[in-house]
Amino acid sequence: MPASFSGYDIAYWAGLGIAAPYWLVKPSARRKVLHALRERRGQRVPHRESSRPCVMIHAVALGEVNATKALVEQLRSARHDLSFVISVTTETGFEQAKKLYGENPEITLIRYPLDFTPSIIRVLDAVRPSVVVLMELEVWPNFIRRCQQREIPVVLANGRITLPSFRKYKLIGPVTRRMFSRLARVCAQDETYAERFVALGASPERVRVTGTMKFDTAQISDRVNGDLQLAWDVGLYGRGERVWVCGSTGPGEEDIILEQYRALLKDPKVGRFRLAMIPRHPQRFDEVADLIEQHRFPLVLRSQRQTDPGRNNDPIPPVVLGDTMGELRKFYAIASVVFVGRTLVDLGPRQHGSDMIEPAALGKPIIVGPYTGNFAEPMTKFRQAKAVREVTDGESLRATVAELLTMPREATVMGQRARYVVKEQQGATARHAAVIVELLPAPARTRPVAPG
């Protein structure tokens, strides 16, 4: 076998070949595979010319990318001599990374390489990282092995591993143990995750419980810049109306929400209020718009400003569809009640839950469904503080929305508890930065200039 290849490469190519009948026939899978083969082979990664120490941070998608911002700021504060490379997997994550870092000459954005040896070598040769930071659970055996061969420490940051993932890793015990034993540090979100990483092969002395960085990305405030303008543009708050905001919704949830909204409008105890839905993925905007009209609701698109947003006296109030990117926080800021999506319908373990910390930092009363596994640590804190309401189906969702709308004082107290949880839990990013700095080479000493 050539030195530039490994057993992992053979296994990956074999798997790709076996799955070929599926991904070649299914258009969405074919596009995904071909895009990865085109963009993630390391051939377009610019060579880093600087001799400064470099931290390479890998964030899979949008949520992880957002978490990198505070981490980069903490690291730059601790070490002014650092340069950064941010690698991303998904398209939405890459677009967000461009918004955050696109104008910063000290930060390079790249696609994370496929776990094939040639791709990894190209990236490591070009980037020359001093430390690699992998967010949450983005561990790949070949990449970690190649980093160890070059004596590049790899840190698993914001580490979390759900019980189903833990069981899957246990099935490939020898591969898993070798991979996790090569990690220089594991920063786990809580004790349970830390114990699972150790059981999978991580060295106990290298595991730290640092909390979750997700709390640190939330900005505690009462207002968001542009929130009232957004409300005016789509006809909300024209008469001081209450607003139910459903954010980051997934397939199947919008149908339930619309059914319950119509039922709530018929409840005289609840009275008139408005609904705004913001789907998680932009490619679903048209689908959700059609669904709203199928339910016979007038539709207002955020992307199309109303000509007369101040008047809104329709017997059936229009439903607002947030069909723009980057404005979810503005919608949350004007909400009376928030439902956080991808929690009511089982969309698979990788999509169990969206970010409920952001509306919590704004002091909003929050409702979630039973599928919140991706935010297990934050949910534990919110539950302990009685700062979130959990529902199981459409009927319990309707009852909870009705209760919070008709009992505004209790809803306000609940939102205040949620904000307090966020404030108390912040600080994990600084703990992560301290761990990473320990693994960096010492700063170069400046030679003193002789007098005269």
Protein backbone atom coordinates (compact mmCIF):
# COMPACT_ATOMS: atom_id res chain seq x y z
CA MET A 1 0.00 0.00 0.00
CA PRO A 2 1.46 3.46 -0.90
CA ALA A 3 2.59 5.57 2.08
CA SER A 4 0.04 8.23 1.16
CA PHE A 5 -2.88 5.83 1.70
CA SER A 6 -4.21 3.86 4.67
CA GLY A 7 -6.76 1.21 5.53
CA TYR A 8 -9.24 4.01 6.20
CA ASP A 9 -8.96 5.12 2.57
CA ILE A 10 -9.76 1.63 1.31
CA ALA A 11 -12.77 1.42 3.63
CA TYR A 12 -14.06 4.84 2.55
CA TRP A 13 -13.72 4.12 -1.17
CA ALA A 14 -15.39 0.74 -0.69
CA GLY A 15 -18.28 2.37 1.15
CA LEU A 16 -18.62 5.04 -1.51
CA GLY A 17 -18.74 2.35 -4.19
CA ILE A 18 -21.26 0.19 -2.36
CA ALA A 19 -23.54 3.20 -1.84
CA ALA A 20 -23.14 4.38 -5.45
CA PRO A 21 -26.47 2.93 -6.69
CA TYR A 22 -28.23 5.07 -4.08
CA TRP A 23 -26.40 8.39 -4.43
CA LEU A 24 -26.16 8.20 -8.21
CA VAL A 25 -29.90 7.67 -8.60
CA LYS A 26 -31.17 10.10 -5.95
CA PRO A 27 -30.55 13.69 -7.17
CA SER A 28 -30.14 15.31 -3.72
CA ALA A 29 -27.67 12.64 -2.58
CA ARG A 30 -25.78 12.84 -5.87
CA ARG A 31 -25.41 16.61 -5.59
CA LYS A 32 -24.19 16.28 -2.02
CA VAL A 33 -21.57 13.64 -2.83
CA LEU A 34 -20.29 15.35 -5.97
CA HIS A 35 -20.12 18.69 -4.18
CA ALA A 36 -18.06 17.13 -1.37
CA LEU A 37 -15.72 15.45 -3.85
CA ARG A 38 -15.26 18.76 -5.63
CA GLU A 39 -14.93 21.16 -2.70
CA ARG A 40 -13.38 19.07 0.09
CA ARG A 41 -10.31 17.51 -1.50
CA GLY A 42 -8.00 20.22 -0.19
CA GLN A 43 -7.01 21.42 -3.63
CA ARG A 44 -8.31 24.97 -3.19
CA VAL A 45 -6.81 25.67 0.22
CA PRO A 46 -4.42 28.65 0.11
CA HIS A 47 -0.96 28.12 1.60
CA ARG A 48 -0.44 30.02 4.83
CA GLU A 49 2.70 32.13 4.48
CA SER A 50 2.91 33.45 8.03
CA SER A 51 5.19 31.82 10.60
CA ARG A 52 2.84 32.80 13.43
CA PRO A 53 1.22 30.01 15.49
CA CYS A 54 -2.04 28.91 13.89
CA VAL A 55 -5.22 27.56 15.43
CA MET A 56 -7.40 25.59 13.03
CA ILE A 57 -11.00 25.41 14.27
CA HIS A 58 -13.45 23.07 12.55
CA ALA A 59 -17.16 23.83 12.77
CA VAL A 60 -19.58 21.60 10.86
CA ALA A 61 -22.60 23.84 10.44
CA LEU A 62 -24.19 27.16 11.32
CA GLY A 63 -24.53 26.61 15.07
CA GLU A 64 -20.93 25.54 15.53
CA VAL A 65 -19.71 28.41 13.32
CA ASN A 66 -21.50 30.91 15.56
CA ALA A 67 -19.82 29.37 18.61
CA THR A 68 -16.36 29.90 17.07
CA LYS A 69 -16.70 33.70 17.16
CA ALA A 70 -16.44 34.02 20.93
CA LEU A 71 -13.69 31.37 21.02
CA VAL A 72 -11.60 33.24 18.46
CA GLU A 73 -12.03 36.45 20.45
CA GLN A 74 -10.94 34.75 23.67
CA LEU A 75 -7.89 33.20 22.01
CA ARG A 76 -6.87 36.47 20.39
CA SER A 77 -7.16 38.18 23.75
CA ALA A 78 -4.91 35.55 25.36
CA ARG A 79 -2.38 35.40 22.50
CA HIS A 80 -1.97 38.37 20.15
CA ASP A 81 0.41 36.44 17.89
CA LEU A 82 -2.12 33.89 16.61
CA SER A 83 -3.55 33.37 13.15
CA PHE A 84 -6.70 31.33 12.53
CA VAL A 85 -8.12 28.94 9.98
CA ILE A 86 -11.84 28.16 10.21
CA SER A 87 -12.96 25.04 8.36
CA VAL A 88 -16.63 24.34 7.65
CA THR A 89 -18.62 21.46 6.16
CA THR A 90 -22.12 22.70 5.26
CA GLU A 91 -23.11 25.44 2.83
CA THR A 92 -25.15 27.38 5.41
CA GLY A 93 -22.23 27.17 7.82
CA PHE A 94 -19.79 28.42 5.18
CA GLU A 95 -22.03 31.37 4.31
CA GLN A 96 -22.26 32.31 7.98
CA ALA A 97 -18.48 32.01 8.34
CA LYS A 98 -18.07 34.44 5.45
CA LYS A 99 -20.34 36.91 7.21
CA LEU A 100 -18.37 36.60 10.45
CA TYR A 101 -14.83 36.43 9.10
CA GLY A 102 -14.85 37.28 5.40
CA GLU A 103 -13.29 40.73 5.91
CA ASN A 104 -10.66 39.63 8.44
CA PRO A 105 -7.21 39.10 6.82
CA GLU A 106 -5.97 37.13 9.84
CA ILE A 107 -8.66 34.45 9.46
CA THR A 108 -8.76 32.03 6.53
CA LEU A 109 -11.90 30.09 5.62
CA ILE A 110 -11.63 26.64 4.08
CA ARG A 111 -13.69 23.52 3.50
CA TYR A 112 -12.94 20.73 5.95
CA PRO A 113 -11.21 17.90 4.07
CA LEU A 114 -12.78 14.55 3.41
CA ASP A 115 -11.17 11.88 5.57
CA PHE A 116 -9.09 10.58 2.66
CA THR A 117 -5.33 10.76 3.16
CA PRO A 118 -4.48 12.90 0.07
CA SER A 119 -7.11 15.48 1.04
CA ILE A 120 -5.88 15.64 4.63
CA ILE A 121 -2.23 15.97 3.59
CA ARG A 122 -3.03 18.83 1.22
CA VAL A 123 -4.85 20.75 3.97
CA LEU A 124 -2.24 20.15 6.67
CA ASP A 125 0.60 21.07 4.30
CA ALA A 126 -1.15 24.30 3.34
CA VAL A 127 -2.41 25.35 6.77
CA ARG A 128 0.42 24.11 9.04
CA PRO A 129 -1.72 24.33 12.20
CA SER A 130 -0.17 24.49 15.65
CA VAL A 131 -3.40 23.17 17.22
CA VAL A 132 -6.57 21.74 15.71
CA VAL A 133 -9.90 22.30 17.48
CA LEU A 134 -12.86 20.09 16.53
CA MET A 135 -16.27 21.32 17.64
CA GLU A 136 -18.66 18.95 19.49
CA LEU A 137 -18.16 15.49 17.92
CA GLU A 138 -16.66 16.04 14.50
CA VAL A 139 -13.99 13.34 14.91
CA TRP A 140 -12.57 11.44 11.93
CA PRO A 141 -10.01 8.67 12.53
CA ASN A 142 -7.74 9.33 9.55
CA PHE A 143 -7.55 13.08 10.14
CA ILE A 144 -6.72 12.65 13.82
CA ARG A 145 -4.12 9.98 12.98
CA ARG A 146 -2.39 12.24 10.45
CA CYS A 147 -2.35 15.11 12.95
CA GLN A 148 -0.75 12.89 15.57
CA GLN A 149 1.94 11.82 13.08
CA ARG A 150 2.84 15.50 12.67
CA GLU A 151 2.66 16.12 16.42
CA ILE A 152 -0.26 18.51 16.00
CA PRO A 153 -2.41 18.37 19.16
CA VAL A 154 -6.13 17.90 18.51
CA VAL A 155 -8.72 19.26 20.95
CA LEU A 156 -12.36 18.20 21.01
CA ALA A 157 -14.23 21.34 22.08
CA ASN A 158 -17.75 21.67 23.45
CA GLY A 159 -17.74 17.87 23.45
CA ARG A 160 -21.04 16.07 23.60
CA ILE A 161 -22.03 12.53 22.70
CA THR A 162 -25.62 11.35 22.86
CA LEU A 163 -26.48 7.87 24.05
CA PRO A 164 -27.33 6.60 20.51
CA SER A 165 -24.01 7.93 19.18
CA PHE A 166 -22.17 6.42 22.13
CA ARG A 167 -23.65 3.01 21.37
CA LYS A 168 -22.72 3.26 17.69
CA TYR A 169 -19.12 4.14 18.52
CA LYS A 170 -18.97 1.16 20.89
CA LEU A 171 -19.79 -1.13 17.97
CA ILE A 172 -16.47 -0.27 16.30
CA GLY A 173 -14.47 -0.49 19.51
CA PRO A 174 -10.89 -0.85 18.20
CA VAL A 175 -11.23 2.05 15.73
CA THR A 176 -12.98 4.20 18.32
CA ARG A 177 -10.41 3.58 21.07
CA ARG A 178 -7.48 4.41 18.80
CA MET A 179 -9.17 7.56 17.59
CA PHE A 180 -10.18 8.98 20.97
CA SER A 181 -6.90 8.00 22.62
CA ARG A 182 -5.10 10.26 20.12
CA LEU A 183 -6.95 13.39 21.27
CA ALA A 184 -4.73 15.77 23.22
CA ARG A 185 -7.69 17.19 25.16
CA VAL A 186 -11.43 16.58 25.42
CA CYS A 187 -13.49 19.51 26.69
CA ALA A 188 -16.81 17.92 27.64
CA GLN A 189 -20.03 19.82 28.27
CA ASP A 190 -20.85 17.85 31.43
CA GLU A 191 -19.80 14.89 33.58
CA THR A 192 -22.01 12.41 31.71
CA TYR A 193 -20.38 13.23 28.38
CA ALA A 194 -16.93 13.14 30.00
CA GLU A 195 -17.54 9.61 31.28
CA ARG A 196 -18.69 8.47 27.84
CA PHE A 197 -15.57 9.87 26.16
CA VAL A 198 -13.36 8.05 28.66
CA ALA A 199 -15.31 4.83 28.05
CA LEU A 200 -14.63 5.23 24.32
CA GLY A 201 -10.87 5.50 24.82
CA ALA A 202 -10.05 9.10 25.74
CA SER A 203 -7.34 9.34 28.43
CA PRO A 204 -9.00 10.38 31.72
CA GLU A 205 -6.22 12.87 32.51
CA ARG A 206 -6.88 14.64 29.21
CA VAL A 207 -10.63 15.11 29.74
CA ARG A 208 -11.94 18.38 31.17
CA VAL A 209 -15.52 19.36 32.04
CA THR A 210 -15.78 22.90 30.71
CA GLY A 211 -19.52 23.43 30.13
CA THR A 212 -21.16 24.36 26.86
CA MET A 213 -20.07 27.34 24.76
CA LYS A 214 -23.62 27.66 23.42
CA PHE A 215 -24.54 29.90 26.34
CA ASP A 216 -21.70 32.29 25.50
CA THR A 217 -22.96 33.01 22.00
CA ALA A 218 -26.24 34.44 23.33
CA GLN A 219 -26.46 38.21 23.86
CA ILE A 220 -28.48 39.16 26.92
CA SER A 221 -30.68 42.13 26.05
CA ASP A 222 -34.25 43.40 25.81
CA ARG A 223 -34.02 44.71 22.26
CA VAL A 224 -32.34 43.80 18.99
CA ASN A 225 -31.30 46.37 16.43
CA GLY A 226 -33.95 46.54 13.72
CA ASP A 227 -36.59 44.52 15.57
CA LEU A 228 -39.25 47.26 15.62
CA GLN A 229 -38.61 48.08 11.97
CA LEU A 230 -39.12 44.40 11.12
CA ALA A 231 -42.38 44.41 13.08
CA TRP A 232 -43.61 47.47 11.19
CA ASP A 233 -42.55 46.07 7.81
CA VAL A 234 -44.66 42.92 8.22
CA GLY A 235 -47.63 44.51 9.99
CA LEU A 236 -46.96 43.26 13.51
CA TYR A 237 -47.60 45.43 16.55
CA GLY A 238 -49.82 47.72 14.48
CA ARG A 239 -52.30 47.64 17.37
CA GLY A 240 -50.04 46.25 20.05
CA GLU A 241 -50.85 42.67 19.08
CA ARG A 242 -49.32 39.71 20.83
CA VAL A 243 -47.07 37.56 18.64
CA TRP A 244 -46.39 33.83 18.75
CA VAL A 245 -43.02 33.25 17.07
CA CYS A 246 -42.14 29.72 15.93
CA GLY A 247 -38.45 29.66 15.05
CA SER A 248 -36.25 27.12 13.25
CA THR A 249 -39.22 24.89 12.43
CA GLY A 250 -38.82 21.60 10.58
CA PRO A 251 -40.94 19.42 8.28
CA GLY A 252 -44.21 18.35 9.86
CA GLU A 253 -44.16 21.02 12.55
CA GLU A 254 -45.61 23.88 10.51
CA ASP A 255 -48.74 21.85 9.75
CA ILE A 256 -49.29 21.20 13.49
CA ILE A 257 -48.64 24.84 14.35
CA LEU A 258 -51.13 26.15 11.79
CA GLU A 259 -53.84 23.74 12.97
CA GLN A 260 -53.37 24.83 16.57
CA TYR A 261 -53.22 28.49 15.63
CA ARG A 262 -56.64 28.30 13.98
CA ALA A 263 -58.04 26.53 17.06
CA LEU A 264 -56.56 29.19 19.35
CA LEU A 265 -58.09 32.02 17.32
CA LYS A 266 -61.52 30.49 18.02
CA ASP A 267 -60.90 30.52 21.78
CA PRO A 268 -62.54 33.68 23.23
CA LYS A 269 -60.30 33.50 26.31
CA VAL A 270 -57.19 33.86 24.15
CA GLY A 271 -58.44 36.51 21.76
CA ARG A 272 -56.68 37.83 18.69
CA PHE A 273 -52.94 37.38 18.31
CA ARG A 274 -50.48 36.87 15.45
CA LEU A 275 -48.31 34.01 14.25
CA ALA A 276 -44.85 34.28 12.69
CA MET A 277 -43.03 31.18 11.42
CA ILE A 278 -39.36 31.03 10.47
CA PRO A 279 -38.32 27.66 8.96
CA ARG A 280 -34.87 26.32 9.79
CA HIS A 281 -33.73 25.85 6.18
CA PRO A 282 -34.16 28.50 3.45
CA GLN A 283 -34.84 25.88 0.79
CA ARG A 284 -38.17 25.23 2.58
CA PHE A 285 -39.45 28.82 2.39
CA ASP A 286 -41.61 28.18 -0.69
CA GLU A 287 -42.91 24.90 0.73
CA VAL A 288 -44.01 26.56 3.97
CA ALA A 289 -45.56 29.50 2.10
CA ASP A 290 -47.72 27.02 0.14
CA LEU A 291 -48.65 25.25 3.36
CA ILE A 292 -49.85 28.50 4.98
CA GLU A 293 -52.09 29.20 2.00
CA GLN A 294 -53.38 25.61 2.02
CA HIS A 295 -54.54 26.26 5.58
CA ARG A 296 -56.45 29.29 4.19
CA PHE A 297 -54.48 31.93 6.03
CA PRO A 298 -53.50 35.21 4.39
CA LEU A 299 -49.72 35.24 3.95
CA VAL A 300 -47.21 38.00 4.60
CA LEU A 301 -43.64 37.43 3.44
CA ARG A 302 -40.86 39.16 5.32
CA SER A 303 -39.01 39.60 2.03
CA GLN A 304 -41.90 41.68 0.63
CA ARG A 305 -42.55 44.76 2.72
CA GLN A 306 -46.24 45.55 3.15
CA THR A 307 -47.50 48.68 1.45
CA ASP A 308 -49.70 49.60 4.43
CA PRO A 309 -48.39 47.62 7.44
CA GLY A 310 -50.15 49.80 9.98
CA ARG A 311 -53.67 48.51 9.15
CA ASN A 312 -54.38 44.91 9.96
CA ASN A 313 -58.06 44.33 10.59
CA ASP A 314 -58.64 41.11 8.65
CA PRO A 315 -61.04 38.71 10.42
CA ILE A 316 -58.44 36.01 9.92
CA PRO A 317 -55.06 37.60 10.70
CA PRO A 318 -52.25 36.99 8.20
CA VAL A 319 -49.46 34.60 9.08
CA VAL A 320 -45.98 36.06 8.74
CA LEU A 321 -43.36 33.89 7.07
CA GLY A 322 -39.76 34.79 7.88
CA ASP A 323 -38.26 34.04 4.48
CA THR A 324 -35.00 35.96 4.94
CA MET A 325 -31.69 34.90 6.47
CA GLY A 326 -30.20 36.27 9.68
CA GLU A 327 -33.34 37.79 11.22
CA LEU A 328 -34.51 35.07 13.58
CA ARG A 329 -33.24 36.98 16.61
CA LYS A 330 -35.24 40.05 15.54
CA PHE A 331 -38.38 37.92 15.40
CA TYR A 332 -37.64 36.50 18.84
CA ALA A 333 -37.21 40.03 20.21
CA ILE A 334 -40.80 40.99 19.28
CA ALA A 335 -42.34 37.71 20.49
CA SER A 336 -44.83 37.33 23.31
CA VAL A 337 -44.34 33.55 23.28
CA VAL A 338 -41.68 31.48 21.50
CA PHE A 339 -41.85 27.92 20.21
CA VAL A 340 -38.44 26.52 19.27
CA GLY A 341 -38.68 24.17 16.30
CA ARG A 342 -37.21 20.80 15.33
CA THR A 343 -38.38 19.60 18.74
CA LEU A 344 -42.01 18.53 18.23
CA VAL A 345 -41.52 16.05 15.36
CA ASP A 346 -38.84 13.36 15.35
CA LEU A 347 -36.59 14.37 12.44
CA GLY A 348 -33.75 12.04 13.42
CA PRO A 349 -31.06 12.34 16.14
CA ARG A 350 -28.94 14.82 14.17
CA GLN A 351 -31.86 17.27 14.11
CA HIS A 352 -33.17 16.88 17.64
CA GLY A 353 -33.55 20.46 18.77
CA SER A 354 -32.78 24.01 17.74
CA ASP A 355 -31.25 26.79 19.81
CA MET A 356 -33.49 27.78 22.72
CA ILE A 357 -30.71 29.77 24.39
CA GLU A 358 -31.07 32.75 22.06
CA PRO A 359 -34.72 33.54 22.97
CA ALA A 360 -33.90 32.77 26.60
CA ALA A 361 -31.25 35.51 26.59
CA LEU A 362 -33.98 37.88 25.39
CA GLY A 363 -36.14 36.94 28.38
CA LYS A 364 -38.88 35.17 26.39
CA PRO A 365 -41.18 32.39 27.64
CA ILE A 366 -40.11 29.33 25.66
CA ILE A 367 -41.94 26.19 24.57
CA VAL A 368 -40.18 23.11 23.17
CA GLY A 369 -41.21 19.61 22.17
CA PRO A 370 -39.73 16.32 23.45
CA TYR A 371 -36.87 16.11 20.91
CA THR A 372 -34.12 18.33 22.32
CA GLY A 373 -31.19 15.91 22.42
CA ASN A 374 -28.79 18.30 20.67
CA PHE A 375 -29.30 20.75 23.53
CA ALA A 376 -29.41 18.25 26.37
CA GLU A 377 -27.03 20.18 28.66
CA PRO A 378 -28.82 23.55 28.30
CA MET A 379 -32.22 21.86 28.68
CA THR A 380 -31.12 20.36 31.99
CA LYS A 381 -30.34 23.83 33.29
CA PHE A 382 -33.60 25.31 32.01
CA ARG A 383 -35.63 22.47 33.50
CA GLN A 384 -33.97 22.87 36.89
CA ALA A 385 -34.89 26.57 36.88
CA LYS A 386 -38.44 25.94 35.59
CA ALA A 387 -37.56 28.25 32.72
CA VAL A 388 -38.99 26.26 29.82
CA ARG A 389 -42.26 24.50 29.03
CA GLU A 390 -42.16 21.09 27.33
CA VAL A 391 -45.04 19.75 25.23
CA THR A 392 -45.59 16.40 23.56
CA ASP A 393 -48.08 17.04 20.76
CA GLY A 394 -50.31 19.58 19.07
CA GLU A 395 -52.94 19.62 21.80
CA SER A 396 -50.47 20.26 24.60
CA LEU A 397 -48.80 22.91 22.43
CA ARG A 398 -52.14 24.70 22.01
CA ALA A 399 -52.90 24.54 25.73
CA THR A 400 -49.47 25.88 26.69
CA VAL A 401 -49.59 28.77 24.21
CA ALA A 402 -53.06 29.68 25.49
CA GLU A 403 -51.86 29.61 29.09
CA LEU A 404 -48.85 31.82 28.46
CA LEU A 405 -50.83 34.33 26.40
CA THR A 406 -53.60 34.65 28.97
CA MET A 407 -51.24 34.77 31.97
CA PRO A 408 -48.70 37.41 30.92
CA ARG A 409 -47.27 37.91 34.41
CA GLU A 410 -46.37 34.22 34.74
CA ALA A 411 -44.95 34.26 31.20
CA THR A 412 -42.76 37.24 32.10
CA VAL A 413 -41.42 35.52 35.22
CA MET A 414 -40.67 32.39 33.21
CA GLY A 415 -38.72 34.46 30.66
CA GLN A 416 -36.76 36.16 33.43
CA ARG A 417 -35.78 32.77 34.85
CA ALA A 418 -34.59 31.69 31.41
CA ARG A 419 -32.44 34.81 31.04
CA TYR A 420 -30.93 34.23 34.49
CA VAL A 421 -29.92 30.68 33.50
CA VAL A 422 -28.09 32.02 30.44
CA LYS A 423 -26.25 34.61 32.51
CA GLU A 424 -25.21 32.07 35.14
CA GLN A 425 -23.94 29.52 32.62
CA GLN A 426 -21.78 31.83 30.55
CA GLY A 427 -17.99 31.46 30.78
CA ALA A 428 -17.33 28.09 29.10
CA THR A 429 -15.59 29.73 26.14
CA ALA A 430 -12.92 31.22 28.41
CA ARG A 431 -12.32 27.78 29.93
CA HIS A 432 -11.95 26.27 26.46
CA ALA A 433 -9.51 29.00 25.44
CA ALA A 434 -7.34 28.29 28.50
CA VAL A 435 -7.11 24.60 27.54
CA ILE A 436 -6.15 25.42 23.94
CA VAL A 437 -3.53 27.99 24.96
CA GLU A 438 -1.81 25.32 27.10
CA LEU A 439 -1.12 23.31 23.93
CA LEU A 440 0.25 26.18 21.82
CA PRO A 441 3.98 26.76 21.40
CA ALA A 442 5.36 29.43 23.70
CA PRO A 443 5.30 32.96 22.29
CA ALA A 444 8.48 33.99 20.51
CA ARG A 445 10.60 36.26 22.64
CA THR A 446 11.54 39.61 21.18
CA ARG A 447 15.28 40.23 21.33
CA PRO A 448 16.00 43.48 23.21
CA VAL A 449 17.56 46.26 21.17
CA ALA A 450 20.94 47.43 22.43
CA PRO A 451 21.01 51.08 23.51
CA GLY A 452 22.65 53.46 21.03
